[in-house]
Amino acid sequence: MEIIGRERERRILARCEQSGKPEFVAVYGRRRVGKTYLVAEHFSNKFSFSVTGISDGSMKEQLREFHRSLKKHYQGEIPMPKDWHEAFGLLEAQISQDNTLGKKALFIDEMPWLDTHKSGFLPALEHFWNSFASRRPDILLIVCGSAASWMINNLIENYGGLHNRVTEAIVVEPYQLCDCEAFFKSRGIVFNRRQVAEAYMILGGIPYYMDAMDKMLALNQNIDLLLFEKNAKLGNEFARLYHSLFRHADNHIRVVEALAKSGAGMTRQELSAASGVSDGGGLTKVLAELESCCLIGRSFDIRKRRNGDYFKLTDFYSLFYFKYLKNNRNADPHFWTNYLADPAHSAWCGYAFERLCMAHAGQIKQRLGISGVIASVYAFRSLQQKGCAQIDMVIDRRDDTVNLCECKYYNKPYTLTAKDAADLERKKDVFLRETGTKKSIHMTMITASGLAQSAYRNEIQAEITLDDLFWPAY
């Protein structure tokens, strides 16, 4: 089946495939984002060698699977290895006898699972690369894993035998709206753009989640089926997600749970107090790993205060989990269908739409005609205790301009009122006073259905609609 999107990732793989030097490519990202599918489809499953680690498998089971894969790819008698040094030695021997032309693609999937306790896997991998593969310009080693902490600490930021050995690191991120629309179409699922957006605001751009939808059902029925019915397919996905990404996930879960309760975001100090994770190296590591998996985002403090940056939970599924699933005790298998008529649904849509806009900042910059302009994108939280201001999105541009963006999710064109205009002016004044910026301020509205004609529409310098968020980002 055709790969949807992933043009950047495929260009990197193609460049490594065609290079005249050895390549060591690390592919990582959150669970279910499509890492294995990307690599397998790009190479049409034609590898000189491929093996997949076994979840919770023992060293003996992992070696047995490695041996089985060797026998699958190569002819002749291949003995069962006693340890990982022998296993990689057997792979070396088979590659050395392979006289086929072109790059030899070696794919090790779910590599972190192979590295069982005291197995000696990592030193054996280091020796394989440093003594053999790195001297072969026809070797393309691709390693993949969902355990982001293992991939980052042992490969990307390794300071031992594999220091600076990874030639390319590919972070596979969730799809954006344009890719989701194409994905649904390829599966025969008919959703309009508002429904695609709402699916995104619940599940994020995760291919596996979208692929689980039934094309015979409406969106609300699919959400009930996947999340709220008894034994729902994604009902226990939260625990599986975090424990697959991080070997010791308790602190990661404490942090995201604390962030889920704060729509405005939290500073390190606030986060440490709320989560119980000490504000030191442990929290630094947890935040870096969560950021690397696109689960949280960091807003940089324009006021340049020490430790003034604050963090938000950006993973849509996690946000939805804490809002509706973690403490769901009503056992209503049709909860989402019934919830659509609840006024609280509209409030949730508005909150989730802000996150959707932030996740598509590239498309917003395109619509504003500033794709080539360097800009910082962040949310703004006032320091004032009284009359404070929160701005959904700030695009702080190098061309001496700042877009202050207000996000509104309504099912019809939004009508700006006198109260809205006064509130926007107040937020602008607070922003100017607290940041001290001298840049021009462009008030920008991002809406689902555009702006209706009103006496205050001219107060807005730029308008963005939901359709604009569906543009491909270049």
Protein backbone atom coordinates (compact mmCIF):
# COMPACT_ATOMS: atom_id res chain seq x y z
CA MET A 1 0.00 0.00 0.00
CA GLU A 2 1.25 3.49 -0.86
CA ILE A 3 2.99 5.46 1.91
CA ILE A 4 1.01 8.57 2.83
CA GLY A 5 3.22 11.62 3.38
CA ARG A 6 6.69 11.09 4.93
CA GLU A 7 8.45 12.81 2.01
CA ARG A 8 11.23 14.22 4.19
CA GLU A 9 11.91 10.87 5.86
CA ARG A 10 11.93 9.04 2.53
CA ARG A 11 14.37 11.55 1.06
CA ILE A 12 16.77 10.85 3.92
CA LEU A 13 16.47 7.09 3.44
CA ALA A 14 16.98 7.42 -0.31
CA ARG A 15 20.04 9.61 0.16
CA CYS A 16 21.59 7.08 2.55
CA GLU A 17 20.74 4.26 0.16
CA GLN A 18 22.57 6.01 -2.68
CA SER A 19 25.55 7.36 -0.77
CA GLY A 20 29.00 5.96 -1.34
CA LYS A 21 29.76 5.50 2.34
CA PRO A 22 28.58 3.35 5.26
CA GLU A 23 25.39 4.64 6.84
CA PHE A 24 24.00 4.09 10.34
CA VAL A 25 20.41 5.35 10.50
CA ALA A 26 18.41 5.53 13.74
CA VAL A 27 14.63 5.77 13.35
CA TYR A 28 12.55 6.50 16.41
CA GLY A 29 9.27 8.04 17.54
CA ARG A 30 6.24 7.28 19.63
CA ARG A 31 4.37 3.97 19.53
CA ARG A 32 2.03 3.41 16.56
CA VAL A 33 3.36 6.35 14.54
CA GLY A 34 4.38 4.16 11.57
CA LYS A 35 8.17 3.77 11.92
CA THR A 36 8.36 0.12 10.86
CA TYR A 37 5.86 0.62 8.07
CA LEU A 38 7.87 3.55 6.69
CA VAL A 39 11.14 1.60 6.54
CA ALA A 40 9.60 -1.66 5.30
CA GLU A 41 7.58 0.00 2.55
CA HIS A 42 10.42 2.28 1.43
CA PHE A 43 12.64 -0.75 0.87
CA SER A 44 9.73 -2.93 -0.33
CA ASN A 45 10.70 -5.35 2.45
CA LYS A 46 13.87 -6.23 0.52
CA PHE A 47 16.61 -6.35 3.11
CA SER A 48 19.90 -8.21 3.14
CA PHE A 49 19.03 -8.93 6.76
CA SER A 50 16.19 -7.98 9.07
CA VAL A 51 15.21 -8.93 12.61
CA THR A 52 12.62 -7.69 15.09
CA GLY A 53 13.14 -7.73 18.85
CA ILE A 54 10.65 -9.59 21.04
CA SER A 55 8.74 -7.57 23.62
CA ASP A 56 9.72 -8.74 27.12
CA GLY A 57 11.71 -11.58 25.59
CA SER A 58 14.68 -13.11 27.40
CA MET A 59 18.20 -12.96 26.01
CA LYS A 60 17.83 -16.58 24.90
CA GLU A 61 14.61 -15.77 23.03
CA GLN A 62 16.14 -12.70 21.38
CA LEU A 63 19.20 -14.69 20.21
CA ARG A 64 16.94 -17.43 18.91
CA GLU A 65 14.99 -14.85 16.86
CA PHE A 66 18.23 -13.34 15.54
CA HIS A 67 19.39 -16.83 14.52
CA ARG A 68 16.06 -17.58 12.84
CA SER A 69 16.39 -14.36 10.84
CA LEU A 70 19.93 -15.25 9.77
CA LYS A 71 18.71 -18.61 8.46
CA LYS A 72 15.84 -16.88 6.65
CA HIS A 73 18.14 -14.50 4.77
CA TYR A 74 21.21 -16.66 4.16
CA GLN A 75 21.87 -20.19 2.90
CA GLY A 76 24.01 -22.87 4.49
CA GLU A 77 24.57 -24.12 8.00
CA ILE A 78 24.45 -21.34 10.61
CA PRO A 79 25.11 -22.33 14.24
CA MET A 80 23.06 -21.02 17.12
CA PRO A 81 24.99 -18.12 18.76
CA LYS A 82 25.73 -18.29 22.48
CA ASP A 83 25.92 -14.51 22.95
CA TRP A 84 25.61 -11.26 21.03
CA HIS A 85 29.26 -11.11 19.98
CA GLU A 86 28.82 -14.49 18.29
CA ALA A 87 25.51 -13.38 16.77
CA PHE A 88 27.01 -10.29 15.14
CA GLY A 89 30.06 -12.33 14.12
CA LEU A 90 27.76 -14.69 12.23
CA LEU A 91 26.12 -11.71 10.53
CA GLU A 92 29.55 -10.37 9.54
CA ALA A 93 30.49 -13.71 8.02
CA GLN A 94 27.31 -13.87 5.93
CA ILE A 95 27.64 -10.29 4.69
CA SER A 96 31.28 -10.93 3.75
CA GLN A 97 30.14 -13.77 1.49
CA ASP A 98 27.38 -11.68 -0.14
CA ASN A 99 28.63 -10.55 -3.57
CA THR A 100 25.46 -8.71 -4.64
CA LEU A 101 25.99 -5.17 -5.93
CA GLY A 102 24.69 -2.03 -4.26
CA LYS A 103 23.93 -1.15 -0.68
CA LYS A 104 23.16 -3.98 1.71
CA ALA A 105 20.28 -2.79 3.85
CA LEU A 106 20.30 -4.29 7.35
CA PHE A 107 17.15 -3.57 9.38
CA ILE A 108 17.01 -4.16 13.14
CA ASP A 109 13.51 -3.31 14.34
CA GLU A 110 12.57 -2.74 17.99
CA MET A 111 16.27 -2.76 18.86
CA PRO A 112 15.72 -1.72 22.52
CA TRP A 113 13.93 -5.02 23.15
CA LEU A 114 17.06 -6.93 22.10
CA ASP A 115 19.08 -5.20 24.82
CA THR A 116 17.94 -7.30 27.78
CA HIS A 117 19.51 -6.93 31.24
CA LYS A 118 23.22 -7.80 31.30
CA SER A 119 23.00 -9.29 27.81
CA GLY A 120 26.04 -7.46 26.42
CA PHE A 121 24.03 -6.41 23.37
CA LEU A 122 25.28 -2.82 23.17
CA PRO A 123 29.03 -3.64 23.33
CA ALA A 124 28.49 -6.28 20.63
CA LEU A 125 26.67 -3.75 18.43
CA GLU A 126 29.47 -1.23 18.97
CA HIS A 127 32.09 -3.80 17.95
CA PHE A 128 30.08 -4.85 14.88
CA TRP A 129 29.84 -1.26 13.66
CA ASN A 130 33.31 -0.03 14.58
CA SER A 131 35.31 -3.07 13.46
CA PHE A 132 33.28 -4.14 10.42
CA ALA A 133 30.27 -2.18 9.15
CA SER A 134 31.88 1.28 9.34
CA ARG A 135 34.61 0.05 6.95
CA ARG A 136 32.11 -1.15 4.36
CA PRO A 137 30.73 1.59 2.06
CA ASP A 138 28.04 -0.89 0.95
CA ILE A 139 26.46 -1.16 4.44
CA LEU A 140 23.25 0.64 5.33
CA LEU A 141 22.32 -0.22 8.92
CA ILE A 142 18.84 0.93 9.94
CA VAL A 143 17.81 0.54 13.56
CA CYS A 144 14.36 1.33 14.82
CA GLY A 145 12.65 1.50 18.18
CA SER A 146 9.72 2.92 20.11
CA ALA A 147 11.66 3.08 23.40
CA ALA A 148 12.77 6.63 22.73
CA SER A 149 14.81 6.93 25.92
CA TRP A 150 16.91 3.91 24.91
CA MET A 151 17.37 5.17 21.34
CA ILE A 152 18.42 8.64 22.48
CA ASN A 153 20.67 7.65 25.38
CA ASN A 154 22.36 4.66 23.72
CA LEU A 155 22.58 5.79 20.09
CA ILE A 156 21.83 9.47 19.43
CA GLU A 157 23.65 10.80 22.51
CA ASN A 158 26.02 7.89 23.13
CA TYR A 159 29.37 9.02 24.56
CA GLY A 160 31.02 5.60 24.46
CA GLY A 161 31.89 3.35 21.55
CA LEU A 162 29.00 4.60 19.41
CA HIS A 163 29.70 8.32 19.94
CA ASN A 164 28.92 10.18 16.68
CA ARG A 165 28.48 6.90 14.81
CA VAL A 166 24.82 7.50 13.84
CA THR A 167 24.94 9.22 10.45
CA GLU A 168 21.22 10.08 10.31
CA ALA A 169 18.57 10.28 13.06
CA ILE A 170 14.98 10.24 11.80
CA VAL A 171 12.25 11.21 14.23
CA VAL A 172 8.95 9.96 12.80
CA GLU A 173 6.33 12.46 13.93
CA PRO A 174 2.53 12.20 13.88
CA TYR A 175 0.80 13.06 10.62
CA GLN A 176 -0.54 16.52 9.98
CA LEU A 177 -4.08 17.24 8.83
CA CYS A 178 -3.34 17.03 5.10
CA ASP A 179 -1.82 13.57 5.57
CA CYS A 180 -4.75 12.45 7.75
CA GLU A 181 -7.19 13.54 5.06
CA ALA A 182 -5.26 11.55 2.44
CA PHE A 183 -4.97 8.57 4.80
CA PHE A 184 -8.71 8.40 5.44
CA LYS A 185 -9.39 8.71 1.72
CA SER A 186 -6.99 5.84 0.97
CA ARG A 187 -8.93 3.64 3.42
CA GLY A 188 -12.32 4.56 1.95
CA ILE A 189 -13.29 6.51 5.10
CA VAL A 190 -15.46 9.50 4.22
CA PHE A 191 -15.05 12.38 6.67
CA ASN A 192 -15.42 16.08 5.96
CA ARG A 193 -12.65 18.40 7.11
CA ARG A 194 -14.33 19.28 10.37
CA GLN A 195 -14.59 15.57 11.18
CA VAL A 196 -10.95 14.98 10.20
CA ALA A 197 -10.00 17.84 12.53
CA GLU A 198 -12.07 16.44 15.40
CA ALA A 199 -10.58 12.98 14.88
CA TYR A 200 -7.16 14.65 15.11
CA MET A 201 -8.11 16.51 18.27
CA ILE A 202 -8.97 13.16 19.90
CA LEU A 203 -6.38 10.75 18.51
CA GLY A 204 -3.69 12.96 17.00
CA GLY A 205 -2.13 12.14 13.63
CA ILE A 206 -1.33 8.52 14.53
CA PRO A 207 -1.77 6.17 11.53
CA TYR A 208 -2.48 3.06 13.61
CA TYR A 209 -5.33 4.76 15.45
CA MET A 210 -6.86 6.06 12.23
CA ASP A 211 -6.45 2.70 10.51
CA ALA A 212 -8.52 1.10 13.28
CA MET A 213 -11.60 3.08 12.20
CA ASP A 214 -14.50 1.36 10.46
CA LYS A 215 -15.46 3.04 7.19
CA MET A 216 -19.08 1.95 7.70
CA LEU A 217 -19.39 4.05 10.87
CA ALA A 218 -19.64 7.79 11.52
CA LEU A 219 -16.83 9.52 13.43
CA ASN A 220 -18.69 9.57 16.77
CA GLN A 221 -19.48 5.85 16.41
CA ASN A 222 -15.83 5.10 15.70
CA ILE A 223 -14.73 7.02 18.80
CA ASP A 224 -17.20 5.06 20.93
CA LEU A 225 -16.01 1.80 19.39
CA LEU A 226 -12.30 2.54 19.87
CA LEU A 227 -12.37 4.23 23.27
CA PHE A 228 -15.60 3.75 25.22
CA GLU A 229 -17.10 0.35 24.47
CA LYS A 230 -16.24 -2.61 26.70
CA ASN A 231 -12.79 -3.95 25.79
CA ALA A 232 -12.29 -1.02 23.41
CA LYS A 233 -9.24 -1.45 21.18
CA LEU A 234 -7.59 1.74 22.42
CA GLY A 235 -9.03 1.73 25.91
CA ASN A 236 -5.73 0.70 27.53
CA GLU A 237 -3.49 2.40 25.02
CA PHE A 238 -2.21 5.03 27.46
CA ALA A 239 -0.28 2.60 29.67
CA ARG A 240 1.02 0.69 26.65
CA LEU A 241 2.15 3.93 25.02
CA TYR A 242 4.23 5.28 27.89
CA HIS A 243 5.69 1.98 29.03
CA SER A 244 6.75 1.14 25.48
CA LEU A 245 8.44 4.52 25.06
CA PHE A 246 10.22 4.67 28.41
CA ARG A 247 11.63 1.75 30.39
CA HIS A 248 10.95 3.54 33.67
CA ALA A 249 7.84 5.51 32.77
CA ASP A 250 6.45 6.43 36.21
CA ASN A 251 7.99 9.91 36.28
CA HIS A 252 7.02 10.55 32.66
CA ILE A 253 3.41 9.72 33.50
CA ARG A 254 3.47 11.96 36.60
CA VAL A 255 4.71 14.85 34.48
CA VAL A 256 2.14 14.48 31.69
CA GLU A 257 -0.66 14.03 34.23
CA ALA A 258 0.34 17.29 35.91
CA LEU A 259 0.51 19.06 32.54
CA ALA A 260 -2.91 17.69 31.55
CA LYS A 261 -4.44 19.71 34.38
CA SER A 262 -2.92 22.99 33.20
CA GLY A 263 -4.16 24.47 29.96
CA ALA A 264 -1.79 27.43 30.27
CA GLY A 265 1.31 25.28 30.74
CA MET A 266 3.73 25.03 33.66
CA THR A 267 7.26 26.15 34.45
CA ARG A 268 9.83 23.63 35.67
CA GLN A 269 9.30 24.69 39.26
CA GLU A 270 5.52 24.44 39.00
CA LEU A 271 5.80 21.11 37.25
CA SER A 272 8.17 19.71 39.85
CA ALA A 273 5.82 20.72 42.66
CA ALA A 274 2.73 19.33 40.92
CA SER A 275 4.29 16.05 39.73
CA GLY A 276 6.56 15.25 42.66
CA VAL A 277 9.54 14.81 40.30
CA SER A 278 12.52 16.65 41.78
CA ASP A 279 13.65 19.74 39.86
CA GLY A 280 17.09 18.52 38.81
CA GLY A 281 18.73 16.21 36.34
CA GLY A 282 15.91 13.69 36.65
CA LEU A 283 13.27 16.19 35.54
CA THR A 284 15.56 17.51 32.80
CA LYS A 285 15.90 14.02 31.36
CA VAL A 286 12.18 13.28 31.58
CA LEU A 287 11.28 16.55 29.84
CA ALA A 288 13.86 16.01 27.09
CA GLU A 289 12.58 12.49 26.42
CA LEU A 290 8.94 13.59 26.37
CA GLU A 291 9.82 16.42 23.97
CA SER A 292 11.76 14.09 21.68
CA CYS A 293 8.64 11.93 21.30
CA CYS A 294 6.44 14.94 20.47
CA LEU A 295 4.36 14.37 23.62
CA ILE A 296 5.01 17.77 25.18
CA GLY A 297 6.03 21.16 23.83
CA ARG A 298 8.10 23.97 25.28
CA SER A 299 7.18 27.66 25.07
CA PHE A 300 10.22 29.93 25.31
CA ASP A 301 9.91 32.93 27.57
CA ILE A 302 10.23 36.10 25.50
CA ARG A 303 11.03 37.99 28.71
CA LYS A 304 14.22 35.87 29.02
CA ARG A 305 13.65 35.11 32.70
CA ARG A 306 15.82 32.39 34.20
CA ASN A 307 13.88 29.11 34.07
CA GLY A 308 10.91 31.04 32.67
CA ASP A 309 10.14 28.57 29.87
CA TYR A 310 7.01 26.55 30.39
CA PHE A 311 5.75 23.24 29.09
CA LYS A 312 2.45 21.99 27.70
CA LEU A 313 1.10 18.52 27.03
CA THR A 314 0.68 18.39 23.24
CA ASP A 315 -0.14 14.72 22.60
CA PHE A 316 -3.80 14.68 21.66
CA TYR A 317 -4.52 11.12 22.77
CA SER A 318 -2.95 11.77 26.21
CA LEU A 319 -4.99 14.95 26.65
CA PHE A 320 -8.17 13.10 25.73
CA TYR A 321 -7.25 10.22 28.04
CA PHE A 322 -6.90 12.42 31.11
CA LYS A 323 -10.04 14.39 30.25
CA TYR A 324 -12.42 11.52 29.44
CA LEU A 325 -10.93 8.07 29.92
CA LYS A 326 -8.81 7.91 33.08
CA ASN A 327 -11.70 8.44 35.49
CA ASN A 328 -14.54 7.33 33.23
CA ARG A 329 -16.93 5.49 35.53
CA ASN A 330 -20.21 5.78 33.68
CA ALA A 331 -19.49 2.74 31.51
CA ASP A 332 -21.58 4.27 28.72
CA PRO A 333 -20.53 2.55 25.47
CA HIS A 334 -22.09 5.45 23.54
CA PHE A 335 -20.54 8.21 25.65
CA TRP A 336 -19.12 10.26 22.79
CA THR A 337 -22.28 10.09 20.69
CA ASN A 338 -24.32 11.33 23.65
CA TYR A 339 -21.70 13.91 24.60
CA LEU A 340 -21.95 15.73 21.27
CA ALA A 341 -25.11 17.52 22.45
CA ASP A 342 -23.52 18.55 25.77
CA PRO A 343 -22.34 22.20 26.00
CA ALA A 344 -19.11 20.87 27.51
CA HIS A 345 -18.31 19.33 24.11
CA SER A 346 -18.08 22.82 22.59
CA ALA A 347 -15.76 23.93 25.38
CA TRP A 348 -13.52 20.91 24.79
CA CYS A 349 -13.44 21.64 21.04
CA GLY A 350 -12.24 25.17 21.71
CA TYR A 351 -9.45 23.98 23.99
CA ALA A 352 -8.36 21.19 21.61
CA PHE A 353 -8.50 23.54 18.61
CA GLU A 354 -5.82 25.73 20.22
CA ARG A 355 -3.56 22.67 20.36
CA LEU A 356 -4.44 21.82 16.76
CA CYS A 357 -3.41 25.29 15.61
CA MET A 358 -0.11 25.09 17.47
CA ALA A 359 0.58 21.71 15.85
CA HIS A 360 0.10 23.33 12.44
CA ALA A 361 2.15 26.48 12.91
CA GLY A 362 3.92 25.78 9.62
CA GLN A 363 0.66 25.95 7.69
CA ILE A 364 -0.31 29.16 9.49
CA LYS A 365 3.00 30.75 8.53
CA GLN A 366 2.40 29.70 4.91
CA ARG A 367 -1.04 31.29 4.90
CA LEU A 368 0.47 34.50 6.31
CA GLY A 369 3.05 34.45 3.51
CA ILE A 370 6.00 34.25 5.90
CA SER A 371 7.27 30.69 5.33
CA GLY A 372 10.73 32.03 4.61
CA VAL A 373 10.80 34.37 7.59
CA ILE A 374 12.53 33.14 10.75
CA ALA A 375 10.00 33.20 13.58
CA SER A 376 9.53 31.87 17.10
CA VAL A 377 6.12 30.33 17.79
CA TYR A 378 4.91 30.07 21.37
CA ALA A 379 1.98 30.66 23.68
CA PHE A 380 2.05 33.66 26.01
CA ARG A 381 1.08 33.66 29.65
CA SER A 382 0.97 36.95 31.53
CA LEU A 383 2.79 37.32 34.84
CA GLN A 384 0.01 39.49 36.25
CA GLN A 385 -2.15 38.04 38.98
CA LYS A 386 -4.99 40.46 38.25
CA GLY A 387 -6.26 41.16 34.74
CA CYS A 388 -3.85 38.58 33.38
CA ALA A 389 -3.77 37.71 29.69
CA GLN A 390 -3.21 34.44 27.90
CA ILE A 391 -2.55 34.42 24.15
CA ASP A 392 -3.14 31.14 22.31
CA MET A 393 -0.32 31.57 19.81
CA VAL A 394 2.36 34.19 19.25
CA ILE A 395 4.36 34.25 16.01
CA ASP A 396 7.34 36.47 16.78
CA ARG A 397 8.94 37.28 13.42
CA ARG A 398 12.37 38.51 12.37
CA ASP A 399 10.74 41.04 10.01
CA ASP A 400 9.87 43.31 12.95
CA THR A 401 6.30 41.98 13.24
CA VAL A 402 4.43 39.86 15.79
CA ASN A 403 1.18 38.01 15.09
CA LEU A 404 -0.98 37.62 18.19
CA CYS A 405 -3.32 34.74 17.31
CA GLU A 406 -6.70 34.05 18.87
CA CYS A 407 -8.21 30.61 18.14
CA LYS A 408 -11.99 30.11 17.92
CA TYR A 409 -13.73 26.84 17.05
CA TYR A 410 -17.33 27.36 15.97
CA ASN A 411 -19.53 25.57 13.43
CA LYS A 412 -20.40 28.85 11.71
CA PRO A 413 -18.54 32.09 10.92
CA TYR A 414 -17.48 33.77 14.13
CA THR A 415 -18.88 37.24 14.84
CA LEU A 416 -16.52 39.60 16.64
CA THR A 417 -18.34 41.60 19.31
CA ALA A 418 -17.43 44.79 21.16
CA LYS A 419 -16.45 42.60 24.13
CA ASP A 420 -14.13 40.53 21.90
CA ALA A 421 -12.50 43.64 20.47
CA ALA A 422 -11.93 45.08 23.96
CA ASP A 423 -10.45 41.78 25.19
CA LEU A 424 -8.09 41.55 22.21
CA GLU A 425 -6.94 45.14 22.80
CA ARG A 426 -6.33 44.34 26.48
CA LYS A 427 -4.24 41.28 25.59
CA LYS A 428 -2.25 43.33 23.12
CA ASP A 429 -1.56 46.00 25.78
CA VAL A 430 -0.44 43.38 28.32
CA PHE A 431 1.84 41.74 25.77
CA LEU A 432 3.44 45.05 24.80
CA ARG A 433 3.91 46.11 28.41
CA GLU A 434 5.35 42.81 29.67
CA THR A 435 7.61 42.03 26.71
CA GLY A 436 8.71 45.58 25.92
CA THR A 437 8.69 44.72 22.21
CA LYS A 438 8.74 47.56 19.68
CA LYS A 439 7.58 45.36 16.81
CA SER A 440 4.36 45.93 14.90
CA ILE A 441 1.47 43.86 16.31
CA HIS A 442 -0.88 42.10 13.90
CA MET A 443 -4.02 40.75 15.54
CA THR A 444 -4.81 37.41 13.90
CA MET A 445 -7.93 35.24 14.14
CA ILE A 446 -7.78 31.49 13.50
CA THR A 447 -11.29 30.07 13.17
CA ALA A 448 -12.96 26.90 11.97
CA SER A 449 -15.38 28.70 9.65
CA GLY A 450 -14.03 32.19 9.08
CA LEU A 451 -15.21 35.57 10.38
CA ALA A 452 -18.66 37.04 9.82
CA GLN A 453 -19.05 40.65 8.77
CA SER A 454 -19.25 42.90 11.80
CA ALA A 455 -18.33 46.40 12.95
CA TYR A 456 -15.17 45.05 14.55
CA ARG A 457 -13.81 42.85 11.78
CA ASN A 458 -11.39 45.56 10.65
CA GLU A 459 -9.65 45.28 14.02
CA ILE A 460 -8.16 42.03 12.70
CA GLN A 461 -5.14 42.21 10.39
CA ALA A 462 -5.09 38.54 9.32
CA GLU A 463 -7.58 35.66 9.14
CA ILE A 464 -6.82 31.94 9.07
CA THR A 465 -9.43 29.19 8.66
CA LEU A 466 -9.51 25.46 9.28
CA ASP A 467 -9.05 24.86 5.54
CA ASP A 468 -5.70 26.66 5.72
CA LEU A 469 -4.48 24.12 8.29
CA PHE A 470 -4.91 21.39 5.67
CA TRP A 471 -2.19 22.83 3.43
CA PRO A 472 0.95 20.71 3.14
CA ALA A 473 3.81 22.33 5.07
CA TYR A 474 6.98 22.85 3.05
